[in-house]
C-alpha cells in the first residue's frame, strides 16, 4: 500500500481502502487528515486530486495575502501625504500665533512656551511620516527628502531645536531673536525639501 494513502487521525492511523479513497470511521471522531507526498496536509479523499488541491490552496492563500498587503501598504502610504500636510498645518497654526505676538509687541511667555511646545511635538511626529516608498503622489515633498535623508533629518532637527529654544524665552528681546532663528530654520528646510 503506498505511503501517501495513510490517513492520520487523533486516534491513530487508518489505511486506505484503495489508492483513490481514504477510509475513515464515523465512530473515530473527526475526518482524518492525509499527507501528500511532500508532507503537506490535505483532507481531500481523492489521492490524485489532493496534490493539486494543496498546491492550489497554497497559491490562493499567498495571492490573498499579497493583495491584502498591497492594499494596506498603498492605503497607508497614500494617507502619509495627508498626515504630513495635517502636521504642517498644525505647525503653521502655532507659527501664526507667534507672528501675532511678534507684530503686536505684546510678549506672553506662557503663550510662546505653549506654541513652541506644540511645534516641537509636531516636528517629532513629522520625523516618522517619510518612510521609503511614501513619496508617490505627494506634490509638496521634493525627492531630496528620500535621496538626502541625513540632510532632511538635520534640517528637521534644526527647526525642532529652534522651537525648543523659542519655548525657553522669558522676555520680548529674547523672543525676537529666537523667533527669527525659528523662522530661518523652517525656511531652510522648506527651501531645500518642499516643492512650491
Protein backbone atom coordinates (compact mmCIF):
# COMPACT_ATOMS: atom_id res chain seq x y z
CA UNK A 1 0.00 0.00 0.00
CA UNK A 2 1.51 3.40 -0.99
CA UNK A 3 2.59 5.60 1.93
CA UNK A 4 0.58 8.58 0.75
CA UNK A 5 -2.67 6.69 1.27
CA UNK A 6 -2.21 6.55 5.04
CA UNK A 7 -4.62 8.74 6.97
CA UNK A 8 -3.81 10.33 10.31
CA UNK A 9 -6.50 10.73 12.95
CA UNK A 10 -6.49 11.76 16.57
CA UNK A 11 -6.83 8.08 17.50
CA UNK A 12 -4.16 6.64 15.22
CA UNK A 13 -3.59 5.51 11.64
CA UNK A 14 -6.18 4.21 9.21
CA UNK A 15 -5.14 2.66 5.94
CA UNK A 16 -6.89 3.49 2.67
CA UNK A 17 -9.37 1.09 1.13
CA UNK A 18 -7.86 1.91 -2.26
CA UNK A 19 -5.34 4.22 -3.84
CA UNK A 20 -8.12 6.70 -4.63
CA UNK A 21 -10.15 6.85 -1.44
CA UNK A 22 -9.29 7.30 2.21
CA UNK A 23 -11.50 5.41 4.59
CA UNK A 24 -12.39 6.70 7.98
CA UNK A 25 -14.73 5.54 10.60
CA UNK A 26 -17.50 7.88 11.71
CA UNK A 27 -17.08 6.46 15.18
CA UNK A 28 -13.49 7.70 15.39
CA UNK A 29 -14.31 11.41 15.51
CA UNK A 30 -13.04 13.98 13.06
CA UNK A 31 -12.38 13.35 9.40
CA UNK A 32 -8.74 12.27 9.11
CA UNK A 33 -6.07 14.39 7.55
CA UNK A 34 -3.96 12.87 4.82
CA UNK A 35 -0.39 13.63 3.99
CA UNK A 36 0.71 14.35 0.44
CA UNK A 37 4.00 13.05 -0.91
CA UNK A 38 5.80 16.21 0.20
CA UNK A 39 4.31 16.10 3.72
CA UNK A 40 1.55 18.72 3.34
CA UNK A 41 -1.80 18.11 4.99
CA UNK A 42 -4.99 17.67 2.95
CA UNK A 43 -8.44 16.36 3.88
CA UNK A 44 -9.27 15.51 0.30
CA UNK A 45 -10.17 11.81 -0.06
CA UNK A 46 -9.04 11.65 -3.70
CA UNK A 47 -5.31 10.89 -3.69
CA UNK A 48 -4.74 12.16 -7.25
CA UNK A 49 -6.65 15.35 -6.51
CA UNK A 50 -5.08 16.17 -3.17
CA UNK A 51 -1.66 17.10 -4.63
CA UNK A 52 -3.21 19.76 -6.85
CA UNK A 53 -5.66 20.70 -4.08
CA UNK A 54 -2.82 21.59 -1.71
CA UNK A 55 -0.91 23.47 -4.42
CA UNK A 56 -3.98 25.48 -5.43
CA UNK A 57 -4.93 26.35 -1.86
CA UNK A 58 -1.34 27.46 -1.16
CA UNK A 59 -1.42 29.71 -4.21
CA UNK A 60 -4.82 31.14 -3.25
CA UNK A 61 -3.64 31.92 0.29
CA UNK A 62 -0.44 33.52 -0.99
CA UNK A 63 -2.41 35.56 -3.53
CA UNK A 64 -4.89 36.82 -0.96
CA UNK A 65 -2.08 37.75 1.42
CA UNK A 66 -0.29 39.62 -1.37
CA UNK A 67 -3.41 41.56 -2.34
CA UNK A 68 -4.12 42.47 1.28
CA UNK A 69 -0.54 43.65 1.87
CA UNK A 70 -0.55 45.71 -1.34
CA UNK A 71 -3.85 47.32 -0.39
CA UNK A 72 -2.68 48.03 3.16
CA UNK A 73 0.67 49.48 2.10
CA UNK A 74 -0.88 51.51 -0.72
CA UNK A 75 -3.55 52.90 1.59
CA UNK A 76 -1.14 53.69 4.38
CA UNK A 77 1.32 55.42 2.02
CA UNK A 78 -1.50 57.40 0.43
CA UNK A 79 -2.55 58.56 3.89
CA UNK A 80 1.04 59.60 4.71
CA UNK A 81 0.81 62.63 2.43
CA UNK A 82 -2.39 63.73 4.20
CA UNK A 83 -0.79 63.15 7.61
CA UNK A 84 2.24 65.22 6.64
CA UNK A 85 0.01 68.04 5.48
CA UNK A 86 -2.06 67.92 8.70
CA UNK A 87 1.09 68.10 10.85
CA UNK A 88 2.43 71.07 8.89
CA UNK A 89 -0.93 72.84 9.20
CA UNK A 90 -0.70 72.41 12.98
CA UNK A 91 2.83 73.85 12.93
CA UNK A 92 1.54 76.79 10.88
CA UNK A 93 -1.24 77.46 13.41
CA UNK A 94 1.36 77.77 16.16
CA UNK A 95 3.58 79.85 13.91
CA UNK A 96 0.73 82.28 13.20
CA UNK A 97 0.25 82.80 16.95
CA UNK A 98 3.96 83.65 17.17
CA UNK A 99 3.65 86.07 14.24
CA UNK A 100 0.75 87.76 16.06
CA UNK A 101 2.83 88.12 19.22
CA UNK A 102 5.76 89.47 17.21
CA UNK A 103 3.61 92.06 15.38
CA UNK A 104 1.67 93.16 18.46
CA UNK A 105 4.73 93.67 20.61
CA UNK A 106 2.77 92.10 23.50
CA UNK A 107 5.07 89.32 24.67
CA UNK A 108 3.33 86.48 26.53
CA UNK A 109 5.85 83.91 27.84
CA UNK A 110 3.17 81.31 28.63
CA UNK A 111 1.65 81.54 25.14
CA UNK A 112 5.05 81.39 23.44
CA UNK A 113 6.05 78.37 25.54
CA UNK A 114 2.77 76.56 24.72
CA UNK A 115 3.00 77.18 20.96
CA UNK A 116 6.72 76.34 20.84
CA UNK A 117 5.97 73.03 22.62
CA UNK A 118 3.27 72.31 20.00
CA UNK A 119 5.80 72.92 17.21
CA UNK A 120 8.29 70.57 18.87
CA UNK A 121 5.64 67.86 19.26
CA UNK A 122 4.56 68.19 15.63
CA UNK A 123 8.13 68.09 14.34
CA UNK A 124 8.65 64.93 16.40
CA UNK A 125 5.62 63.37 14.65
CA UNK A 126 6.89 64.61 11.29
CA UNK A 127 10.04 62.52 11.57
CA UNK A 128 8.13 59.24 11.08
CA UNK A 129 5.97 60.39 8.18
CA UNK A 130 8.51 59.88 5.38
CA UNK A 131 9.22 56.14 5.06
CA UNK A 132 10.75 54.87 1.83
CA UNK A 133 8.04 54.36 -0.78
CA UNK A 134 5.72 57.08 0.58
CA UNK A 135 6.84 59.75 -1.90
CA UNK A 136 4.42 58.71 -4.65
CA UNK A 137 1.57 61.16 -5.07
CA UNK A 138 2.98 63.83 -2.74
CA UNK A 139 3.22 67.02 -4.77
CA UNK A 140 4.56 69.09 -1.84
CA UNK A 141 7.56 66.96 -0.91
CA UNK A 142 10.73 67.03 -3.01
CA UNK A 143 12.53 63.80 -3.85
CA UNK A 144 15.53 65.08 -1.88
CA UNK A 145 13.72 64.08 1.33
CA UNK A 146 14.32 60.45 0.38
CA UNK A 147 17.58 60.84 -1.53
CA UNK A 148 19.22 63.08 1.10
CA UNK A 149 17.73 61.59 4.26
CA UNK A 150 20.58 62.79 6.50
CA UNK A 151 20.24 66.36 5.25
CA UNK A 152 16.48 66.29 5.71
CA UNK A 153 16.79 64.97 9.26
CA UNK A 154 19.38 67.65 10.06
CA UNK A 155 17.06 70.38 8.75
CA UNK A 156 14.11 68.98 10.72
CA UNK A 157 16.25 68.78 13.85
CA UNK A 158 17.41 72.39 13.36
CA UNK A 159 13.78 73.53 13.23
CA UNK A 160 12.94 71.40 16.28
CA UNK A 161 15.91 72.75 18.27
CA UNK A 162 14.93 76.32 17.33
CA UNK A 163 11.40 75.62 18.66
CA UNK A 164 12.85 74.25 21.93
CA UNK A 165 14.92 77.44 22.33
CA UNK A 166 11.91 79.59 21.46
CA UNK A 167 9.93 77.94 24.24
CA UNK A 168 12.57 78.94 26.78
CA UNK A 169 12.48 82.72 26.17
CA UNK A 170 11.35 84.94 29.02
CA UNK A 171 11.29 88.44 27.51
CA UNK A 172 10.41 90.29 24.31
CA UNK A 173 14.02 90.91 23.23
CA UNK A 174 14.96 87.24 23.52
CA UNK A 175 11.67 86.32 21.79
CA UNK A 176 12.54 88.35 18.68
CA UNK A 177 15.93 86.67 18.28
CA UNK A 178 14.53 83.19 18.98
CA UNK A 179 11.57 83.71 16.64
CA UNK A 180 13.90 84.91 13.85
CA UNK A 181 16.02 81.76 14.39
CA UNK A 182 12.86 79.60 14.23
CA UNK A 183 11.74 81.30 11.02
CA UNK A 184 15.17 80.82 9.43
CA UNK A 185 15.28 77.12 10.41
CA UNK A 186 11.82 76.49 8.95
CA UNK A 187 12.70 78.40 5.75
CA UNK A 188 15.96 76.46 5.38
CA UNK A 189 14.09 73.15 5.45
CA UNK A 190 11.30 74.35 3.15
CA UNK A 191 13.68 75.84 0.59
CA UNK A 192 15.50 72.55 0.14
CA UNK A 193 12.83 69.92 0.74
CA UNK A 194 9.40 71.41 0.00
CA UNK A 195 8.11 71.73 -3.54
CA UNK A 196 6.39 75.03 -4.32
